[in-house]
Amino acid sequence: MTEFEMLLACYRSGQVSERQWQEHLKDRAFRAWAENQKSCDELTNRVERFRGQGLPGQPAHMGTLTLVNDLHAALVEARRRLAKLEAET
């Protein structure tokens, strides 16, 4: 487990206060990682909710296609953020 993962686990379990969390988010590298982690968590939750189901009024494969498109967009955005962060350091 990385340092960032441990910090997130501590925050989620209540071992890190909101004030402490906000202080950690001032670190640009950590903030970028945390934002990407949040995006990944949200997409994972969507995948679990819609697994094998279509969106309302759509066949099942259309729901899967929508999720694949969302995952691709999130990956492109994560790569863009990483490149920007690397260029700044």
PDB file of N, CA and C in Angstrom:
ATOM      1  N   MET A   1       0.855  -1.170   0.000  1.00  0.00           N
ATOM      2  CA  MET A   1       0.000   0.000   0.000  1.00  0.00           C
ATOM      3  C   MET A   1       0.907   1.241   0.000  1.00  0.00           C
ATOM      4  N   THR A   2       0.589   2.185  -0.870  1.00  0.00           N
ATOM      5  CA  THR A   2       1.402   3.399  -0.961  1.00  0.00           C
ATOM      6  C   THR A   2       1.036   4.366   0.168  1.00  0.00           C
ATOM      7  N   GLU A   3       1.866   5.387   0.329  1.00  0.00           N
ATOM      8  CA  GLU A   3       1.599   6.409   1.346  1.00  0.00           C
ATOM      9  C   GLU A   3       0.272   7.108   1.063  1.00  0.00           C
ATOM     10  N   PHE A   4       0.012   7.410  -0.209  1.00  0.00           N
ATOM     11  CA  PHE A   4      -1.250   8.064  -0.574  1.00  0.00           C
ATOM     12  C   PHE A   4      -2.438   7.157  -0.242  1.00  0.00           C
ATOM     13  N   GLU A   5      -2.320   5.875  -0.548  1.00  0.00           N
ATOM     14  CA  GLU A   5      -3.410   4.935  -0.262  1.00  0.00           C
ATOM     15  C   GLU A   5      -3.664   4.822   1.236  1.00  0.00           C
ATOM     16  N   MET A   6      -2.570   4.810   2.026  1.00  0.00           N
ATOM     17  CA  MET A   6      -2.725   4.747   3.485  1.00  0.00           C
ATOM     18  C   MET A   6      -3.416   5.999   4.013  1.00  0.00           C
ATOM     19  N   LEU A   7      -3.043   7.156   3.485  1.00  0.00           N
ATOM     20  CA  LEU A   7      -3.662   8.403   3.922  1.00  0.00           C
ATOM     21  C   LEU A   7      -5.152   8.414   3.594  1.00  0.00           C
ATOM     22  N   LEU A   8      -5.505   7.966   2.400  1.00  0.00           N
ATOM     23  CA  LEU A   8      -6.919   7.904   2.015  1.00  0.00           C
ATOM     24  C   LEU A   8      -7.676   6.933   2.905  1.00  0.00           C
ATOM     25  N   ALA A   9      -7.083   5.784   3.204  1.00  0.00           N
ATOM     26  CA  ALA A   9      -7.729   4.797   4.078  1.00  0.00           C
ATOM     27  C   ALA A   9      -7.958   5.389   5.473  1.00  0.00           C
ATOM     28  N   CYS A  10      -6.972   6.126   5.978  1.00  0.00           N
ATOM     29  CA  CYS A  10      -7.121   6.761   7.291  1.00  0.00           C
ATOM     30  C   CYS A  10      -8.223   7.810   7.274  1.00  0.00           C
ATOM     31  N   TYR A  11      -8.302   8.575   6.192  1.00  0.00           N
ATOM     32  CA  TYR A  11      -9.358   9.585   6.079  1.00  0.00           C
ATOM     33  C   TYR A  11     -10.736   8.922   6.039  1.00  0.00           C
ATOM     34  N   ARG A  12     -10.855   7.894   5.215  1.00  0.00           N
ATOM     35  CA  ARG A  12     -12.150   7.204   5.084  1.00  0.00           C
ATOM     36  C   ARG A  12     -12.590   6.549   6.384  1.00  0.00           C
ATOM     37  N   SER A  13     -11.631   6.132   7.220  1.00  0.00           N
ATOM     38  CA  SER A  13     -11.973   5.475   8.480  1.00  0.00           C
ATOM     39  C   SER A  13     -12.175   6.470   9.622  1.00  0.00           C
ATOM     40  N   GLY A  14     -11.981   7.766   9.338  1.00  0.00           N
ATOM     41  CA  GLY A  14     -12.201   8.776  10.362  1.00  0.00           C
ATOM     42  C   GLY A  14     -10.971   9.087  11.208  1.00  0.00           C
ATOM     43  N   GLN A  15      -9.819   8.517  10.870  1.00  0.00           N
ATOM     44  CA  GLN A  15      -8.603   8.746  11.645  1.00  0.00           C
ATOM     45  C   GLN A  15      -7.932  10.070  11.283  1.00  0.00           C
ATOM     46  N   VAL A  16      -8.356  10.678  10.180  1.00  0.00           N
ATOM     47  CA  VAL A  16      -7.825  11.980   9.743  1.00  0.00           C
ATOM     48  C   VAL A  16      -8.998  12.955   9.737  1.00  0.00           C
ATOM     49  N   SER A  17      -8.843  14.075  10.424  1.00  0.00           N
ATOM     50  CA  SER A  17      -9.928  15.061  10.483  1.00  0.00           C
ATOM     51  C   SER A  17     -10.069  15.778   9.139  1.00  0.00           C
ATOM     52  N   GLU A  18     -11.170  16.450   8.978  1.00  0.00           N
ATOM     53  CA  GLU A  18     -11.405  17.221   7.748  1.00  0.00           C
ATOM     54  C   GLU A  18     -10.340  18.314   7.595  1.00  0.00           C
ATOM     55  N   ARG A  19      -9.978  18.953   8.694  1.00  0.00           N
ATOM     56  CA  ARG A  19      -8.950  19.991   8.654  1.00  0.00           C
ATOM     57  C   ARG A  19      -7.616  19.403   8.197  1.00  0.00           C
ATOM     58  N   GLN A  20      -7.249  18.244   8.741  1.00  0.00           N
ATOM     59  CA  GLN A  20      -6.007  17.592   8.336  1.00  0.00           C
ATOM     60  C   GLN A  20      -6.064  17.189   6.865  1.00  0.00           C
ATOM     61  N   TRP A  21      -7.215  16.695   6.448  1.00  0.00           N
ATOM     62  CA  TRP A  21      -7.396  16.284   5.050  1.00  0.00           C
ATOM     63  C   TRP A  21      -7.173  17.468   4.116  1.00  0.00           C
ATOM     64  N   GLN A  22      -7.764  18.607   4.475  1.00  0.00           N
ATOM     65  CA  GLN A  22      -7.610  19.805   3.644  1.00  0.00           C
ATOM     66  C   GLN A  22      -6.141  20.241   3.568  1.00  0.00           C
ATOM     67  N   GLU A  23      -5.414  20.067   4.647  1.00  0.00           N
ATOM     68  CA  GLU A  23      -3.982  20.381   4.631  1.00  0.00           C
ATOM     69  C   GLU A  23      -3.244  19.467   3.657  1.00  0.00           C
ATOM     70  N   HIS A  24      -3.568  18.181   3.676  1.00  0.00           N
ATOM     71  CA  HIS A  24      -2.917  17.233   2.760  1.00  0.00           C
ATOM     72  C   HIS A  24      -3.249  17.557   1.307  1.00  0.00           C
ATOM     73  N   LEU A  25      -4.455  18.050   1.064  1.00  0.00           N
ATOM     74  CA  LEU A  25      -4.867  18.368  -0.305  1.00  0.00           C
ATOM     75  C   LEU A  25      -4.131  19.579  -0.876  1.00  0.00           C
ATOM     76  N   LYS A  26      -3.404  20.299  -0.048  1.00  0.00           N
ATOM     77  CA  LYS A  26      -2.591  21.417  -0.549  1.00  0.00           C
ATOM     78  C   LYS A  26      -1.382  20.915  -1.335  1.00  0.00           C
ATOM     79  N   ASP A  27      -1.005  19.659  -1.122  1.00  0.00           N
ATOM     80  CA  ASP A  27       0.075  19.020  -1.880  1.00  0.00           C
ATOM     81  C   ASP A  27      -0.477  18.683  -3.261  1.00  0.00           C
ATOM     82  N   ARG A  28       0.066  19.325  -4.301  1.00  0.00           N
ATOM     83  CA  ARG A  28      -0.483  19.160  -5.667  1.00  0.00           C
ATOM     84  C   ARG A  28      -0.456  17.714  -6.134  1.00  0.00           C
ATOM     85  N   ALA A  29       0.613  17.001  -5.851  1.00  0.00           N
ATOM     86  CA  ALA A  29       0.709  15.604  -6.295  1.00  0.00           C
ATOM     87  C   ALA A  29      -0.358  14.759  -5.612  1.00  0.00           C
ATOM     88  N   PHE A  30      -0.524  14.961  -4.308  1.00  0.00           N
ATOM     89  CA  PHE A  30      -1.535  14.187  -3.589  1.00  0.00           C
ATOM     90  C   PHE A  30      -2.935  14.553  -4.059  1.00  0.00           C
ATOM     91  N   ARG A  31      -3.177  15.858  -4.249  1.00  0.00           N
ATOM     92  CA  ARG A  31      -4.501  16.296  -4.695  1.00  0.00           C
ATOM     93  C   ARG A  31      -4.855  15.675  -6.061  1.00  0.00           C
ATOM     94  N   ALA A  32      -3.907  15.676  -6.992  1.00  0.00           N
ATOM     95  CA  ALA A  32      -4.158  15.078  -8.312  1.00  0.00           C
ATOM     96  C   ALA A  32      -4.460  13.593  -8.173  1.00  0.00           C
ATOM     97  N   TRP A  33      -3.686  12.908  -7.323  1.00  0.00           N
ATOM     98  CA  TRP A  33      -3.920  11.468  -7.106  1.00  0.00           C
ATOM     99  C   TRP A  33      -5.301  11.245  -6.495  1.00  0.00           C
ATOM    100  N   ALA A  34      -5.646  12.041  -5.479  1.00  0.00           N
ATOM    101  CA  ALA A  34      -6.932  11.880  -4.800  1.00  0.00           C
ATOM    102  C   ALA A  34      -8.102  12.148  -5.742  1.00  0.00           C
ATOM    103  N   GLU A  35      -7.974  13.165  -6.592  1.00  0.00           N
ATOM    104  CA  GLU A  35      -9.041  13.458  -7.550  1.00  0.00           C
ATOM    105  C   GLU A  35      -9.212  12.309  -8.538  1.00  0.00           C
ATOM    106  N   ASN A  36      -8.097  11.749  -8.997  1.00  0.00           N
ATOM    107  CA  ASN A  36      -8.185  10.602  -9.900  1.00  0.00           C
ATOM    108  C   ASN A  36      -8.770   9.394  -9.188  1.00  0.00           C
ATOM    109  N   GLN A  37      -8.407   9.212  -7.923  1.00  0.00           N
ATOM    110  CA  GLN A  37      -8.957   8.102  -7.147  1.00  0.00           C
ATOM    111  C   GLN A  37     -10.460   8.242  -6.990  1.00  0.00           C
ATOM    112  N   LYS A  38     -10.911   9.465  -6.722  1.00  0.00           N
ATOM    113  CA  LYS A  38     -12.346   9.722  -6.580  1.00  0.00           C
ATOM    114  C   LYS A  38     -13.072   9.403  -7.885  1.00  0.00           C
ATOM    115  N   SER A  39     -12.497   9.831  -9.007  1.00  0.00           N
ATOM    116  CA  SER A  39     -13.100   9.543 -10.311  1.00  0.00           C
ATOM    117  C   SER A  39     -13.186   8.041 -10.544  1.00  0.00           C
ATOM    118  N   CYS A  40     -12.121   7.328 -10.198  1.00  0.00           N
ATOM    119  CA  CYS A  40     -12.108   5.871 -10.379  1.00  0.00           C
ATOM    120  C   CYS A  40     -13.152   5.215  -9.488  1.00  0.00           C
ATOM    121  N   ASP A  41     -13.273   5.681  -8.246  1.00  0.00           N
ATOM    122  CA  ASP A  41     -14.270   5.122  -7.329  1.00  0.00           C
ATOM    123  C   ASP A  41     -15.680   5.341  -7.856  1.00  0.00           C
ATOM    124  N   GLU A  42     -15.944   6.544  -8.364  1.00  0.00           N
ATOM    125  CA  GLU A  42     -17.273   6.845  -8.894  1.00  0.00           C
ATOM    126  C   GLU A  42     -17.589   5.964 -10.099  1.00  0.00           C
ATOM    127  N   LEU A  43     -16.621   5.780 -10.983  1.00  0.00           N
ATOM    128  CA  LEU A  43     -16.848   4.932 -12.152  1.00  0.00           C
ATOM    129  C   LEU A  43     -17.020   3.474 -11.748  1.00  0.00           C
ATOM    130  N   THR A  44     -16.247   3.017 -10.771  1.00  0.00           N
ATOM    131  CA  THR A  44     -16.395   1.641 -10.288  1.00  0.00           C
ATOM    132  C   THR A  44     -17.792   1.429  -9.728  1.00  0.00           C
ATOM    133  N   ASN A  45     -18.285   2.401  -8.969  1.00  0.00           N
ATOM    134  CA  ASN A  45     -19.639   2.298  -8.422  1.00  0.00           C
ATOM    135  C   ASN A  45     -20.675   2.236  -9.534  1.00  0.00           C
ATOM    136  N   ARG A  46     -20.473   3.045 -10.575  1.00  0.00           N
ATOM    137  CA  ARG A  46     -21.405   3.004 -11.712  1.00  0.00           C
ATOM    138  C   ARG A  46     -21.362   1.651 -12.402  1.00  0.00           C
ATOM    139  N   VAL A  47     -20.177   1.110 -12.584  1.00  0.00           N
ATOM    140  CA  VAL A  47     -20.052  -0.201 -13.232  1.00  0.00           C
ATOM    141  C   VAL A  47     -20.794  -1.243 -12.420  1.00  0.00           C
ATOM    142  N   GLU A  48     -20.619  -1.224 -11.108  1.00  0.00           N
ATOM    143  CA  GLU A  48     -21.297  -2.201 -10.249  1.00  0.00           C
ATOM    144  C   GLU A  48     -22.813  -2.043 -10.317  1.00  0.00           C
ATOM    145  N   ARG A  49     -23.293  -0.804 -10.335  1.00  0.00           N
ATOM    146  CA  ARG A  49     -24.741  -0.569 -10.395  1.00  0.00           C
ATOM    147  C   ARG A  49     -25.355  -1.033 -11.707  1.00  0.00           C
ATOM    148  N   PHE A  50     -24.652  -0.804 -12.805  1.00  0.00           N
ATOM    149  CA  PHE A  50     -25.223  -1.078 -14.116  1.00  0.00           C
ATOM    150  C   PHE A  50     -24.745  -2.384 -14.731  1.00  0.00           C
ATOM    151  N   ARG A  51     -23.961  -3.158 -14.000  1.00  0.00           N
ATOM    152  CA  ARG A  51     -23.437  -4.410 -14.539  1.00  0.00           C
ATOM    153  C   ARG A  51     -24.597  -5.285 -15.031  1.00  0.00           C
ATOM    154  N   GLY A  52     -24.554  -5.582 -16.309  1.00  0.00           N
ATOM    155  CA  GLY A  52     -25.563  -6.466 -16.896  1.00  0.00           C
ATOM    156  C   GLY A  52     -26.912  -5.819 -17.094  1.00  0.00           C
ATOM    157  N   GLN A  53     -27.016  -4.529 -16.884  1.00  0.00           N
ATOM    158  CA  GLN A  53     -28.295  -3.848 -17.052  1.00  0.00           C
ATOM    159  C   GLN A  53     -28.140  -2.758 -18.099  1.00  0.00           C
ATOM    160  N   GLY A  54     -29.185  -2.532 -18.834  1.00  0.00           N
ATOM    161  CA  GLY A  54     -29.174  -1.393 -19.737  1.00  0.00           C
ATOM    162  C   GLY A  54     -29.632  -0.156 -18.986  1.00  0.00           C
ATOM    163  N   LEU A  55     -29.386   0.970 -19.550  1.00  0.00           N
ATOM    164  CA  LEU A  55     -29.957   2.188 -18.987  1.00  0.00           C
ATOM    165  C   LEU A  55     -31.438   2.188 -19.311  1.00  0.00           C
ATOM    166  N   PRO A  56     -32.235   2.958 -18.590  1.00  0.00           N
ATOM    167  CA  PRO A  56     -33.681   2.940 -18.848  1.00  0.00           C
ATOM    168  C   PRO A  56     -33.995   3.145 -20.334  1.00  0.00           C
ATOM    169  N   GLY A  57     -34.758   2.230 -20.899  1.00  0.00           N
ATOM    170  CA  GLY A  57     -35.162   2.326 -22.295  1.00  0.00           C
ATOM    171  C   GLY A  57     -34.108   1.879 -23.281  1.00  0.00           C
ATOM    172  N   GLN A  58     -32.972   1.325 -22.793  1.00  0.00           N
ATOM    173  CA  GLN A  58     -31.912   0.877 -23.683  1.00  0.00           C
ATOM    174  C   GLN A  58     -31.598  -0.598 -23.424  1.00  0.00           C
ATOM    175  N   PRO A  59     -31.142  -1.307 -24.451  1.00  0.00           N
ATOM    176  CA  PRO A  59     -30.715  -2.682 -24.224  1.00  0.00           C
ATOM    177  C   PRO A  59     -29.456  -2.722 -23.357  1.00  0.00           C
ATOM    178  N   ALA A  60     -29.164  -3.883 -22.746  1.00  0.00           N
ATOM    179  CA  ALA A  60     -28.051  -4.027 -21.807  1.00  0.00           C
ATOM    180  C   ALA A  60     -26.720  -3.591 -22.406  1.00  0.00           C
ATOM    181  N   HIS A  61     -26.464  -3.928 -23.676  1.00  0.00           N
ATOM    182  CA  HIS A  61     -25.160  -3.582 -24.245  1.00  0.00           C
ATOM    183  C   HIS A  61     -24.954  -2.071 -24.365  1.00  0.00           C
ATOM    184  N   MET A  62     -26.026  -1.295 -24.431  1.00  0.00           N
ATOM    185  CA  MET A  62     -25.880   0.160 -24.513  1.00  0.00           C
ATOM    186  C   MET A  62     -25.400   0.733 -23.176  1.00  0.00           C
ATOM    187  N   GLY A  63     -25.863   0.146 -22.069  1.00  0.00           N
ATOM    188  CA  GLY A  63     -25.373   0.578 -20.759  1.00  0.00           C
ATOM    189  C   GLY A  63     -23.890   0.304 -20.627  1.00  0.00           C
ATOM    190  N   THR A  64     -23.454  -0.847 -21.107  1.00  0.00           N
ATOM    191  CA  THR A  64     -22.041  -1.203 -21.071  1.00  0.00           C
ATOM    192  C   THR A  64     -21.231  -0.254 -21.946  1.00  0.00           C
ATOM    193  N   LEU A  65     -21.736   0.062 -23.118  1.00  0.00           N
ATOM    194  CA  LEU A  65     -21.047   0.977 -24.020  1.00  0.00           C
ATOM    195  C   LEU A  65     -20.896   2.358 -23.381  1.00  0.00           C
ATOM    196  N   THR A  66     -21.921   2.839 -22.726  1.00  0.00           N
ATOM    197  CA  THR A  66     -21.851   4.127 -22.042  1.00  0.00           C
ATOM    198  C   THR A  66     -20.759   4.108 -20.981  1.00  0.00           C
ATOM    199  N   LEU A  67     -20.686   3.026 -20.200  1.00  0.00           N
ATOM    200  CA  LEU A  67     -19.668   2.922 -19.160  1.00  0.00           C
ATOM    201  C   LEU A  67     -18.268   2.846 -19.750  1.00  0.00           C
ATOM    202  N   VAL A  68     -18.113   2.121 -20.842  1.00  0.00           N
ATOM    203  CA  VAL A  68     -16.806   2.037 -21.497  1.00  0.00           C
ATOM    204  C   VAL A  68     -16.370   3.425 -21.969  1.00  0.00           C
ATOM    205  N   ASN A  69     -17.281   4.164 -22.550  1.00  0.00           N
ATOM    206  CA  ASN A  69     -16.962   5.528 -22.990  1.00  0.00           C
ATOM    207  C   ASN A  69     -16.574   6.406 -21.809  1.00  0.00           C
ATOM    208  N   ASP A  70     -17.291   6.288 -20.695  1.00  0.00           N
ATOM    209  CA  ASP A  70     -16.962   7.064 -19.501  1.00  0.00           C
ATOM    210  C   ASP A  70     -15.592   6.680 -18.949  1.00  0.00           C
ATOM    211  N   LEU A  71     -15.295   5.385 -18.930  1.00  0.00           N
ATOM    212  CA  LEU A  71     -13.992   4.925 -18.450  1.00  0.00           C
ATOM    213  C   LEU A  71     -12.869   5.458 -19.332  1.00  0.00           C
ATOM    214  N   HIS A  72     -13.084   5.436 -20.631  1.00  0.00           N
ATOM    215  CA  HIS A  72     -12.072   5.958 -21.554  1.00  0.00           C
ATOM    216  C   HIS A  72     -11.841   7.453 -21.317  1.00  0.00           C
ATOM    217  N   ALA A  73     -12.916   8.204 -21.168  1.00  0.00           N
ATOM    218  CA  ALA A  73     -12.796   9.648 -20.931  1.00  0.00           C
ATOM    219  C   ALA A  73     -12.054   9.915 -19.621  1.00  0.00           C
ATOM    220  N   ALA A  74     -12.333   9.115 -18.594  1.00  0.00           N
ATOM    221  CA  ALA A  74     -11.651   9.289 -17.307  1.00  0.00           C
ATOM    222  C   ALA A  74     -10.165   8.969 -17.437  1.00  0.00           C
ATOM    223  N   LEU A  75      -9.826   7.960 -18.207  1.00  0.00           N
ATOM    224  CA  LEU A  75      -8.419   7.607 -18.415  1.00  0.00           C
ATOM    225  C   LEU A  75      -7.680   8.718 -19.160  1.00  0.00           C
ATOM    226  N   VAL A  76      -8.299   9.255 -20.186  1.00  0.00           N
ATOM    227  CA  VAL A  76      -7.695  10.350 -20.941  1.00  0.00           C
ATOM    228  C   VAL A  76      -7.473  11.552 -20.023  1.00  0.00           C
ATOM    229  N   GLU A  77      -8.455  11.866 -19.193  1.00  0.00           N
ATOM    230  CA  GLU A  77      -8.334  12.993 -18.270  1.00  0.00           C
ATOM    231  C   GLU A  77      -7.232  12.732 -17.236  1.00  0.00           C
ATOM    232  N   ALA A  78      -7.149  11.519 -16.719  1.00  0.00           N
ATOM    233  CA  ALA A  78      -6.101  11.185 -15.744  1.00  0.00           C
ATOM    234  C   ALA A  78      -4.720  11.323 -16.370  1.00  0.00           C
ATOM    235  N   ARG A  79      -4.569  10.879 -17.606  1.00  0.00           N
ATOM    236  CA  ARG A  79      -3.290  11.017 -18.298  1.00  0.00           C
ATOM    237  C   ARG A  79      -2.938  12.479 -18.532  1.00  0.00           C
ATOM    238  N   ARG A  80      -3.940  13.303 -18.846  1.00  0.00           N
ATOM    239  CA  ARG A  80      -3.719  14.728 -19.056  1.00  0.00           C
ATOM    240  C   ARG A  80      -3.248  15.382 -17.763  1.00  0.00           C
ATOM    241  N   ARG A  81      -3.917  15.056 -16.651  1.00  0.00           N
ATOM    242  CA  ARG A  81      -3.535  15.618 -15.355  1.00  0.00           C
ATOM    243  C   ARG A  81      -2.125  15.201 -14.969  1.00  0.00           C
ATOM    244  N   LEU A  82      -1.803  13.935 -15.192  1.00  0.00           N
ATOM    245  CA  LEU A  82      -0.473  13.436 -14.853  1.00  0.00           C
ATOM    246  C   LEU A  82       0.596  14.152 -15.677  1.00  0.00           C
ATOM    247  N   ALA A  83       0.352  14.308 -16.974  1.00  0.00           N
ATOM    248  CA  ALA A  83       1.319  14.999 -17.835  1.00  0.00           C
ATOM    249  C   ALA A  83       1.509  16.445 -17.384  1.00  0.00           C
ATOM    250  N   LYS A  84       0.426  17.101 -16.999  1.00  0.00           N
ATOM    251  CA  LYS A  84       0.505  18.487 -16.534  1.00  0.00           C
ATOM    252  C   LYS A  84       1.312  18.545 -15.242  1.00  0.00           C
ATOM    253  N   LEU A  85       1.036  17.626 -14.329  1.00  0.00           N
ATOM    254  CA  LEU A  85       1.755  17.590 -13.059  1.00  0.00           C
ATOM    255  C   LEU A  85       3.237  17.330 -13.274  1.00  0.00           C
ATOM    256  N   GLU A  86       3.575  16.409 -14.178  1.00  0.00           N
ATOM    257  CA  GLU A  86       4.967  16.100 -14.470  1.00  0.00           C
ATOM    258  C   GLU A  86       5.676  17.295 -15.111  1.00  0.00           C
ATOM    259  N   ALA A  87       4.956  18.044 -15.942  1.00  0.00           N
ATOM    260  CA  ALA A  87       5.542  19.211 -16.606  1.00  0.00           C
ATOM    261  C   ALA A  87       5.825  20.330 -15.595  1.00  0.00           C
ATOM    262  N   GLU A  88       5.027  20.399 -14.542  1.00  0.00           N
ATOM    263  CA  GLU A  88       5.179  21.444 -13.535  1.00  0.00           C
ATOM    264  C   GLU A  88       6.311  21.150 -12.563  1.00  0.00           C
ATOM    265  N   THR A  89       6.738  19.890 -12.474  1.00  0.00           N
ATOM    266  CA  THR A  89       7.780  19.542 -11.491  1.00  0.00           C
ATOM    267  C   THR A  89       9.144  19.460 -12.119  1.00  0.00           C
TER     268      THR A  89
END
